[in-house]
Protein backbone atom coordinates (compact mmCIF):
# COMPACT_ATOMS: atom_id res chain seq x y z
CA MET A 1 82.56 91.50 90.20
CA ARG A 2 81.42 94.95 89.06
CA TYR A 3 84.90 95.64 87.55
CA PHE A 4 84.74 92.52 85.41
CA PRO A 5 82.89 94.23 82.47
CA ILE A 6 85.41 97.09 82.51
CA ALA A 7 88.31 94.62 82.37
CA ILE A 8 86.70 92.82 79.40
CA VAL A 9 86.29 96.12 77.51
CA LEU A 10 89.92 97.11 78.18
CA LEU A 11 91.23 93.73 77.06
CA ALA A 12 89.10 93.80 73.91
CA SER A 13 90.31 97.29 73.02
CA PHE A 14 93.97 96.29 73.43
CA SER A 15 93.53 93.19 71.31
CA THR A 16 91.80 95.21 68.58
CA VAL A 17 94.70 97.66 68.45
CA GLY A 18 97.13 94.76 68.18
CA VAL A 19 95.22 93.27 65.26
CA ALA A 20 94.97 96.63 63.51
CA GLN A 21 98.73 97.13 63.73
CA ASN A 22 99.40 93.78 62.04
CA THR A 23 97.01 94.43 59.15
CA PRO A 24 98.96 95.07 55.95
CA MET A 25 98.24 98.21 54.01
CA PRO A 26 96.38 97.59 50.73
CA ALA A 27 98.46 97.78 47.56
CA ILE A 28 96.20 100.50 46.15
CA GLN A 29 93.84 103.02 47.72
CA VAL A 30 91.44 105.25 45.82
CA GLU A 31 89.49 108.08 47.44
CA LEU A 32 88.14 111.54 46.69
CA ASP A 33 90.88 114.12 46.93
CA ARG A 34 90.00 116.65 49.66
CA GLN A 35 92.28 119.35 48.23
CA LYS A 36 91.15 118.97 44.62
CA PRO A 37 87.38 118.85 44.08
CA LEU A 38 86.25 116.17 41.68
CA HIS A 39 89.58 114.38 41.58
CA LEU A 40 90.46 110.91 42.79
CA ARG A 41 93.60 110.52 44.87
CA VAL A 42 95.34 107.21 44.18
CA VAL A 43 98.03 105.75 46.45
CA LEU A 44 99.94 102.74 45.11
CA ARG A 45 102.37 100.66 47.21
CA THR A 46 104.67 98.44 45.22
CA GLY A 47 105.52 94.99 46.51
CA ALA A 48 108.64 94.68 44.39
CA ALA A 49 111.80 93.67 46.27
CA THR A 50 114.02 95.22 43.57
CA THR A 51 113.89 98.33 41.41
CA ALA A 52 111.36 97.96 38.60
CA THR A 53 110.87 99.81 35.32
CA LEU A 54 107.44 100.05 33.74
CA TYR A 55 105.46 102.24 31.39
CA ARG A 56 103.99 105.34 33.01
CA SER A 57 100.69 104.48 31.31
CA ASP A 58 100.55 101.26 33.43
CA LEU A 59 100.12 103.34 36.58
CA PRO A 60 96.45 103.97 37.58
CA TRP A 61 96.70 107.70 36.72
CA GLY A 62 99.03 107.24 33.74
CA ASN A 63 96.31 106.78 31.13
CA ARG A 64 92.51 107.02 31.14
CA HIS A 65 92.33 103.32 30.24
CA SER A 66 94.66 102.16 33.06
CA MET A 67 91.68 101.71 35.36
CA VAL A 68 88.23 100.31 34.65
CA PHE A 69 85.28 102.36 35.95
CA ALA A 70 81.52 101.86 36.32
CA ALA A 71 79.20 104.47 37.87
CA VAL A 72 75.60 104.31 39.07
CA ARG A 73 73.21 106.38 41.13
CA PRO A 74 72.03 104.83 44.41
CA ASN A 75 68.81 103.72 42.68
CA GLY A 76 70.87 101.63 40.20
CA GLU A 77 70.53 104.04 37.25
CA PRO A 78 73.80 104.02 35.28
CA VAL A 79 75.89 107.19 34.94
CA GLU A 80 77.39 107.59 31.49
CA LEU A 81 81.20 107.46 31.35
CA ILE A 82 83.57 109.04 28.88
CA PHE A 83 86.18 107.08 26.94
CA PRO A 84 88.52 109.65 25.41
CA THR A 85 91.30 108.70 23.07
CA ASP A 86 94.37 108.54 25.23
CA ASP A 87 97.71 107.56 23.69
CA PRO A 88 99.77 105.68 26.30
CA GLY A 89 103.10 106.85 24.95
CA PRO A 90 106.52 105.25 25.59
CA THR A 91 107.49 107.08 28.80
CA GLU A 92 108.95 104.76 31.41
CA VAL A 93 109.22 105.21 35.17
CA THR A 94 111.51 103.53 37.63
CA VAL A 95 109.97 102.36 40.93
CA LYS A 96 112.12 101.65 43.97
CA PRO A 97 111.53 98.57 46.14
CA HIS A 98 108.40 98.94 48.33
CA GLU A 99 107.97 102.54 47.15
CA THR A 100 104.68 104.43 47.63
CA LEU A 101 103.51 106.38 44.62
CA GLU A 102 100.67 108.91 44.44
CA GLY A 103 98.68 110.34 41.56
CA ASP A 104 95.31 111.79 40.76
CA ILE A 105 92.57 111.23 38.22
CA ALA A 106 90.23 114.08 37.23
CA LEU A 107 86.64 112.90 37.23
CA ARG A 108 85.95 115.03 34.11
CA TYR A 109 87.90 112.36 32.21
CA VAL A 110 85.76 109.57 33.70
CA ILE A 111 82.15 110.84 33.99
CA ARG A 112 80.66 112.28 30.81
CA ASP A 113 78.27 114.73 32.47
CA LEU A 114 79.52 116.00 35.83
CA ASN A 115 76.04 117.49 36.36
CA ALA A 116 75.05 113.92 37.31
CA ILE A 117 76.74 114.66 40.65
CA LYS A 118 74.45 117.67 41.15
CA ARG A 119 71.35 115.44 40.86
CA SER A 120 72.37 112.68 43.29
CA ASP A 121 75.20 110.79 44.93
CA VAL A 122 77.21 108.65 42.50
CA LEU A 123 78.71 105.26 43.31
CA LEU A 124 81.93 104.94 41.32
CA PHE A 125 83.30 101.39 41.09
CA TRP A 126 86.89 100.95 40.00
CA ALA A 127 89.25 98.12 39.10
CA TYR A 128 93.00 98.22 38.40
CA LYS A 129 95.02 95.52 36.66
CA SER A 130 98.56 95.97 37.86
CA PRO A 131 101.63 95.16 35.81
CA ASP A 132 103.67 92.18 36.98
CA GLU A 133 106.62 94.43 37.82
CA LEU A 134 104.79 95.90 40.86
CA HIS A 135 104.35 92.51 42.58
CA ILE A 136 100.93 93.33 43.96
CA PRO A 137 97.63 91.47 43.34
CA ARG A 138 96.87 91.24 39.64
CA TRP A 139 93.46 92.85 40.08
CA SER A 140 92.33 95.28 42.77
CA GLY A 141 89.05 97.10 43.02
CA GLY A 142 86.72 99.12 45.16
CA LEU A 143 84.06 101.78 45.46
CA VAL A 144 84.23 105.53 45.92
CA LEU A 145 81.10 107.39 47.00
CA ILE A 146 80.88 110.77 45.28
CA PRO A 147 78.43 112.82 47.34
CA GLN A 148 75.84 114.99 45.65
CA GLN A 149 77.32 118.45 45.07
């Protein structure tokens, strides 16, 4: 009877691993880049079953306006963003079926005053509207915590 709790814990841990292995990877992941300070690292996994061609500016890092951002301090005070003029240009990229693409976004093109990060943590909310060619959810979004520097 005293081994019963141990058996339960072991079974629970095996079932958790099995569930985790069947969980699909998200179509897009956004996090702080550990190698480049004050850059976001973006990983995009296409769901297309065939090769797709799209404008480079439609990728999350292809143009400042490819992603929507909102930033606040933990107390709810907004952090001012920058909206530079950014010409999307006609450059096209070809994406292979189920390919994983990576890019980065410099926060100096998102947050107007980077000194805001010296005063407190910043909660950076993001949203990405994907082009139909990628065959992933139309809208994806999330939160990146930028720790006080």
